Amino acid sequence: MHMLKIKLAKREKYVVVIASCIIGLFLFINFIVLPFFKAKDRTSKGIATKEAEYKEIAELVSVYQEYKKDADRIERMLTKRGKGFTLGTYLDDAAGKTGVKDLIKHMQPSKSSSAEAGAIFEEYSIEMKLEGINTDQLVSYLYRIENPEDLIFIKRISITDNKKQEGYLDAIIQVQTYQKEL
């Protein structure tokens, strides 16, 4: 093979060497240094994203554990009430003990239609109307029926004057509880 020999002046040799160094430096920066820093940046962003996802998962686990603890507590409360528990019977017994059973004009049960799919518990309520009740009887009955330990709550109450008897009231009470999905 025959080598091409070009005679360059000293100044031209410096220019060629400097140009070769600049081109070499350009290639080194573009093909080695910049890709390294881009990969490092992508890795750093990926790590930050995964850390944020991990924190979100940890928060969701914490929320889930709280919900699970609450569900277990509700489950224990429902179990404590007994298998034969019904809200209607409970309200009827309380009315008998407070002497207002004859004042109940109607009891209308309803189940919540807003139960989410997969829900463990459903809301169950009874709306009842009491006519001709005095304030002492009403207070006594309300005190007896609301029982947070058994998950029984007064959701809504409407009280009006009784039009037939002076000094007596009519009340519409909505009592709510929870029961296990069947």
C-alpha atoms as a PDB file:
ATOM      1  CA  MET A   1       0.000   0.000   0.000  1.00  0.00           C
ATOM      2  CA  HIS A   2       1.199   3.348  -0.845  1.00  0.00           C
ATOM      3  CA  MET A   3       0.917   6.116   1.750  1.00  0.00           C
ATOM      4  CA  LEU A   4       0.140   9.532   0.683  1.00  0.00           C
ATOM      5  CA  LYS A   5       2.662  11.929   2.087  1.00  0.00           C
ATOM      6  CA  ILE A   6       1.665  15.508   2.178  1.00  0.00           C
ATOM      7  CA  LYS A   7       4.128  18.106   3.187  1.00  0.00           C
ATOM      8  CA  LEU A   8       2.620  20.719   5.406  1.00  0.00           C
ATOM      9  CA  ALA A   9       4.164  23.754   6.887  1.00  0.00           C
ATOM     10  CA  LYS A  10       4.477  23.939  10.627  1.00  0.00           C
ATOM     11  CA  ARG A  11       1.614  26.366  10.893  1.00  0.00           C
ATOM     12  CA  GLU A  12      -0.634  24.140   8.778  1.00  0.00           C
ATOM     13  CA  LYS A  13       0.271  21.151  10.942  1.00  0.00           C
ATOM     14  CA  TYR A  14      -0.890  23.094  14.007  1.00  0.00           C
ATOM     15  CA  VAL A  15      -4.179  23.962  12.294  1.00  0.00           C
ATOM     16  CA  VAL A  16      -4.750  20.301  11.320  1.00  0.00           C
ATOM     17  CA  VAL A  17      -3.918  19.116  14.852  1.00  0.00           C
ATOM     18  CA  ILE A  18      -6.167  21.747  16.426  1.00  0.00           C
ATOM     19  CA  ALA A  19      -8.996  20.967  13.970  1.00  0.00           C
ATOM     20  CA  SER A  20      -8.567  17.230  14.662  1.00  0.00           C
ATOM     21  CA  CYS A  21      -8.694  17.889  18.420  1.00  0.00           C
ATOM     22  CA  ILE A  22     -11.826  20.046  18.057  1.00  0.00           C
ATOM     23  CA  ILE A  23     -13.532  17.384  15.909  1.00  0.00           C
ATOM     24  CA  GLY A  24     -12.441  14.660  18.358  1.00  0.00           C
ATOM     25  CA  LEU A  25     -13.684  16.716  21.308  1.00  0.00           C
ATOM     26  CA  PHE A  26     -16.987  17.357  19.487  1.00  0.00           C
ATOM     27  CA  LEU A  27     -17.423  13.635  18.794  1.00  0.00           C
ATOM     28  CA  PHE A  28     -16.445  12.719  22.373  1.00  0.00           C
ATOM     29  CA  ILE A  29     -18.963  15.211  23.833  1.00  0.00           C
ATOM     30  CA  ASN A  30     -21.811  14.282  21.429  1.00  0.00           C
ATOM     31  CA  PHE A  31     -21.425  10.509  21.550  1.00  0.00           C
ATOM     32  CA  ILE A  32     -20.112   9.846  25.063  1.00  0.00           C
ATOM     33  CA  VAL A  33     -20.556  12.738  27.496  1.00  0.00           C
ATOM     34  CA  LEU A  34     -24.041  13.998  26.471  1.00  0.00           C
ATOM     35  CA  PRO A  35     -25.643  10.525  26.252  1.00  0.00           C
ATOM     36  CA  PHE A  36     -24.185   9.722  29.682  1.00  0.00           C
ATOM     37  CA  PHE A  37     -25.731  12.832  31.254  1.00  0.00           C
ATOM     38  CA  LYS A  38     -29.062  12.275  29.436  1.00  0.00           C
ATOM     39  CA  ALA A  39     -29.177   8.697  30.707  1.00  0.00           C
ATOM     40  CA  LYS A  40     -28.278   9.898  34.200  1.00  0.00           C
ATOM     41  CA  ASP A  41     -31.059  12.520  34.021  1.00  0.00           C
ATOM     42  CA  ARG A  42     -33.594   9.919  32.789  1.00  0.00           C
ATOM     43  CA  THR A  43     -32.561   7.585  35.586  1.00  0.00           C
ATOM     44  CA  SER A  44     -32.886  10.356  38.170  1.00  0.00           C
ATOM     45  CA  LYS A  45     -36.347  11.274  36.868  1.00  0.00           C
ATOM     46  CA  GLY A  46     -37.340   7.596  36.849  1.00  0.00           C
ATOM     47  CA  ILE A  47     -36.175   7.198  40.438  1.00  0.00           C
ATOM     48  CA  ALA A  48     -38.078  10.327  41.498  1.00  0.00           C
ATOM     49  CA  THR A  49     -41.218   9.040  39.754  1.00  0.00           C
ATOM     50  CA  LYS A  50     -40.909   5.632  41.415  1.00  0.00           C
ATOM     51  CA  GLU A  51     -40.336   7.279  44.809  1.00  0.00           C
ATOM     52  CA  ALA A  52     -43.480   9.376  44.344  1.00  0.00           C
ATOM     53  CA  GLU A  53     -45.417   6.255  43.334  1.00  0.00           C
ATOM     54  CA  TYR A  54     -44.064   4.417  46.370  1.00  0.00           C
ATOM     55  CA  LYS A  55     -45.142   7.259  48.675  1.00  0.00           C
ATOM     56  CA  GLU A  56     -48.619   7.245  47.108  1.00  0.00           C
ATOM     57  CA  ILE A  57     -48.850   3.473  47.535  1.00  0.00           C
ATOM     58  CA  ALA A  58     -47.730   3.796  51.164  1.00  0.00           C
ATOM     59  CA  GLU A  59     -50.435   6.427  51.756  1.00  0.00           C
ATOM     60  CA  LEU A  60     -53.050   4.233  50.083  1.00  0.00           C
ATOM     61  CA  VAL A  61     -51.972   1.279  52.234  1.00  0.00           C
ATOM     62  CA  SER A  62     -52.384   3.461  55.314  1.00  0.00           C
ATOM     63  CA  VAL A  63     -55.863   4.583  54.196  1.00  0.00           C
ATOM     64  CA  TYR A  64     -56.800   0.994  53.380  1.00  0.00           C
ATOM     65  CA  GLN A  65     -55.657  -0.169  56.826  1.00  0.00           C
ATOM     66  CA  GLU A  66     -57.803   2.531  58.455  1.00  0.00           C
ATOM     67  CA  TYR A  67     -60.823   1.481  56.382  1.00  0.00           C
ATOM     68  CA  LYS A  68     -60.146  -2.159  57.192  1.00  0.00           C
ATOM     69  CA  LYS A  69     -59.898  -1.353  60.898  1.00  0.00           C
ATOM     70  CA  ASP A  70     -63.203   0.575  60.732  1.00  0.00           C
ATOM     71  CA  ALA A  71     -64.867  -2.256  58.799  1.00  0.00           C
ATOM     72  CA  ASP A  72     -63.664  -4.773  61.377  1.00  0.00           C
ATOM     73  CA  ARG A  73     -64.978  -2.559  64.188  1.00  0.00           C
ATOM     74  CA  ILE A  74     -68.363  -2.260  62.449  1.00  0.00           C
ATOM     75  CA  GLU A  75     -68.371  -6.013  61.883  1.00  0.00           C
ATOM     76  CA  ARG A  76     -67.811  -6.586  65.624  1.00  0.00           C
ATOM     77  CA  MET A  77     -70.600  -4.141  66.484  1.00  0.00           C
ATOM     78  CA  LEU A  78     -72.999  -5.855  64.112  1.00  0.00           C
ATOM     79  CA  THR A  79     -72.064  -9.272  65.494  1.00  0.00           C
ATOM     80  CA  LYS A  80     -72.646  -7.991  69.040  1.00  0.00           C
ATOM     81  CA  ARG A  81     -76.232  -7.055  68.101  1.00  0.00           C
ATOM     82  CA  GLY A  82     -77.044 -10.694  67.430  1.00  0.00           C
ATOM     83  CA  LYS A  83     -78.226 -12.622  64.401  1.00  0.00           C
ATOM     84  CA  GLY A  84     -81.944 -11.953  64.816  1.00  0.00           C
ATOM     85  CA  PHE A  85     -81.606  -8.166  65.075  1.00  0.00           C
ATOM     86  CA  THR A  86     -83.980  -6.066  63.001  1.00  0.00           C
ATOM     87  CA  LEU A  87     -84.306  -2.312  63.212  1.00  0.00           C
ATOM     88  CA  GLY A  88     -88.113  -2.507  63.160  1.00  0.00           C
ATOM     89  CA  THR A  89     -88.216  -4.806  66.196  1.00  0.00           C
ATOM     90  CA  TYR A  90     -85.661  -2.638  67.987  1.00  0.00           C
ATOM     91  CA  LEU A  91     -87.764   0.513  67.432  1.00  0.00           C
ATOM     92  CA  ASP A  92     -90.958  -1.291  68.395  1.00  0.00           C
ATOM     93  CA  ASP A  93     -89.396  -2.578  71.657  1.00  0.00           C
ATOM     94  CA  ALA A  94     -88.105   0.906  72.483  1.00  0.00           C
ATOM     95  CA  ALA A  95     -91.596   2.330  71.831  1.00  0.00           C
ATOM     96  CA  GLY A  96     -93.087  -0.228  74.205  1.00  0.00           C
ATOM     97  CA  LYS A  97     -90.582   0.600  76.956  1.00  0.00           C
ATOM     98  CA  THR A  98     -91.222   4.344  76.668  1.00  0.00           C
ATOM     99  CA  GLY A  99     -94.992   4.061  76.312  1.00  0.00           C
ATOM    100  CA  VAL A 100     -95.305   5.531  72.824  1.00  0.00           C
ATOM    101  CA  LYS A 101     -96.162   2.349  70.917  1.00  0.00           C
ATOM    102  CA  ASP A 102     -99.783   3.421  70.405  1.00  0.00           C
ATOM    103  CA  LEU A 103     -98.636   6.789  69.014  1.00  0.00           C
ATOM    104  CA  ILE A 104     -96.761   5.224  66.080  1.00  0.00           C
ATOM    105  CA  LYS A 105     -98.904   5.693  62.973  1.00  0.00           C
ATOM    106  CA  HIS A 106     -96.581   4.030  60.485  1.00  0.00           C
ATOM    107  CA  MET A 107     -93.084   2.586  60.056  1.00  0.00           C
ATOM    108  CA  GLN A 108     -91.704   2.523  56.536  1.00  0.00           C
ATOM    109  CA  PRO A 109     -88.432   0.599  55.974  1.00  0.00           C
ATOM    110  CA  SER A 110     -85.998   1.352  53.162  1.00  0.00           C
ATOM    111  CA  LYS A 111     -82.598   0.160  51.997  1.00  0.00           C
ATOM    112  CA  SER A 112     -80.078   2.525  50.548  1.00  0.00           C
ATOM    113  CA  SER A 113     -79.941   2.394  46.777  1.00  0.00           C
ATOM    114  CA  SER A 114     -76.575   4.150  46.798  1.00  0.00           C
ATOM    115  CA  ALA A 115     -74.624   1.123  48.032  1.00  0.00           C
ATOM    116  CA  GLU A 116     -71.415   0.796  46.054  1.00  0.00           C
ATOM    117  CA  ALA A 117     -70.622  -2.382  44.201  1.00  0.00           C
ATOM    118  CA  GLY A 118     -68.580  -4.631  46.451  1.00  0.00           C
ATOM    119  CA  ALA A 119     -69.696  -2.841  49.618  1.00  0.00           C
ATOM    120  CA  ILE A 120     -69.634  -4.986  52.737  1.00  0.00           C
ATOM    121  CA  PHE A 121     -72.345  -3.068  54.577  1.00  0.00           C
ATOM    122  CA  GLU A 122     -75.541  -1.463  53.389  1.00  0.00           C
ATOM    123  CA  GLU A 123     -77.483   1.381  54.932  1.00  0.00           C
ATOM    124  CA  TYR A 124     -80.914   0.445  56.206  1.00  0.00           C
ATOM    125  CA  SER A 125     -83.405   2.956  57.559  1.00  0.00           C
ATOM    126  CA  ILE A 126     -86.941   3.207  58.857  1.00  0.00           C
ATOM    127  CA  GLU A 127     -89.062   6.316  58.681  1.00  0.00           C
ATOM    128  CA  MET A 128     -91.718   6.438  61.345  1.00  0.00           C
ATOM    129  CA  LYS A 129     -94.491   8.852  62.186  1.00  0.00           C
ATOM    130  CA  LEU A 130     -95.582   9.547  65.750  1.00  0.00           C
ATOM    131  CA  GLU A 131     -98.765  11.540  66.321  1.00  0.00           C
ATOM    132  CA  GLY A 132     -99.936  13.200  69.532  1.00  0.00           C
ATOM    133  CA  ILE A 133     -96.703  12.772  71.498  1.00  0.00           C
ATOM    134  CA  ASN A 134     -95.628  15.130  74.281  1.00  0.00           C
ATOM    135  CA  THR A 135     -92.086  16.464  74.560  1.00  0.00           C
ATOM    136  CA  ASP A 136     -91.115  14.257  77.512  1.00  0.00           C
ATOM    137  CA  GLN A 137     -92.207  11.119  75.662  1.00  0.00           C
ATOM    138  CA  LEU A 138     -90.411  12.233  72.507  1.00  0.00           C
ATOM    139  CA  VAL A 139     -87.159  12.999  74.321  1.00  0.00           C
ATOM    140  CA  SER A 140     -87.336   9.683  76.202  1.00  0.00           C
ATOM    141  CA  TYR A 141     -87.960   7.764  72.974  1.00  0.00           C
ATOM    142  CA  LEU A 142     -85.197   9.538  71.063  1.00  0.00           C
ATOM    143  CA  TYR A 143     -82.773   8.897  73.909  1.00  0.00           C
ATOM    144  CA  ARG A 144     -83.672   5.195  73.900  1.00  0.00           C
ATOM    145  CA  ILE A 145     -83.476   4.599  70.135  1.00  0.00           C
ATOM    146  CA  GLU A 146     -80.217   6.341  69.248  1.00  0.00           C
ATOM    147  CA  ASN A 147     -77.439   3.928  70.137  1.00  0.00           C
ATOM    148  CA  PRO A 148     -74.020   4.497  68.533  1.00  0.00           C
ATOM    149  CA  GLU A 149     -72.623   1.313  70.143  1.00  0.00           C
ATOM    150  CA  ASP A 150     -75.121  -0.682  68.064  1.00  0.00           C
ATOM    151  CA  LEU A 151     -74.760   1.575  64.998  1.00  0.00           C
ATOM    152  CA  ILE A 152     -78.268   3.015  65.292  1.00  0.00           C
ATOM    153  CA  PHE A 153     -78.570   6.717  64.510  1.00  0.00           C
ATOM    154  CA  ILE A 154     -81.296   9.283  64.063  1.00  0.00           C
ATOM    155  CA  LYS A 155     -80.689  10.556  60.554  1.00  0.00           C
ATOM    156  CA  ARG A 156     -83.509  13.072  60.312  1.00  0.00           C
ATOM    157  CA  ILE A 157     -86.334  14.355  62.477  1.00  0.00           C
ATOM    158  CA  SER A 158     -89.208  16.664  61.688  1.00  0.00           C
ATOM    159  CA  ILE A 159     -91.400  17.964  64.520  1.00  0.00           C
ATOM    160  CA  THR A 160     -94.648  19.875  64.077  1.00  0.00           C
ATOM    161  CA  ASP A 161     -97.491  20.937  66.389  1.00  0.00           C
ATOM    162  CA  ASN A 162    -100.344  18.451  66.540  1.00  0.00           C
ATOM    163  CA  LYS A 163    -103.394  20.103  65.039  1.00  0.00           C
ATOM    164  CA  LYS A 164    -105.861  17.951  67.016  1.00  0.00           C
ATOM    165  CA  GLN A 165    -104.439  18.308  70.550  1.00  0.00           C
ATOM    166  CA  GLU A 166    -103.031  21.459  72.085  1.00  0.00           C
ATOM    167  CA  GLY A 167     -99.526  20.983  73.578  1.00  0.00           C
ATOM    168  CA  TYR A 168     -98.805  17.771  71.686  1.00  0.00           C
ATOM    169  CA  LEU A 169     -96.507  17.152  68.751  1.00  0.00           C
ATOM    170  CA  ASP A 170     -96.296  15.099  65.578  1.00  0.00           C
ATOM    171  CA  ALA A 171     -92.863  13.775  64.676  1.00  0.00           C
ATOM    172  CA  ILE A 172     -91.426  12.074  61.648  1.00  0.00           C
ATOM    173  CA  ILE A 173     -88.185  10.317  62.541  1.00  0.00           C
ATOM    174  CA  GLN A 174     -85.799   8.578  60.177  1.00  0.00           C
ATOM    175  CA  VAL A 175     -83.622   6.069  62.012  1.00  0.00           C
ATOM    176  CA  GLN A 176     -80.616   4.567  60.270  1.00  0.00           C
ATOM    177  CA  THR A 177     -78.408   1.574  60.849  1.00  0.00           C
ATOM    178  CA  TYR A 178     -76.081  -0.651  58.877  1.00  0.00           C
ATOM    179  CA  GLN A 179     -76.339  -4.308  58.125  1.00  0.00           C
ATOM    180  CA  LYS A 180     -74.079  -6.770  56.431  1.00  0.00           C
ATOM    181  CA  GLU A 181     -74.711  -7.322  52.719  1.00  0.00           C
ATOM    182  CA  LEU A 182     -76.514 -10.582  52.101  1.00  0.00           C
END
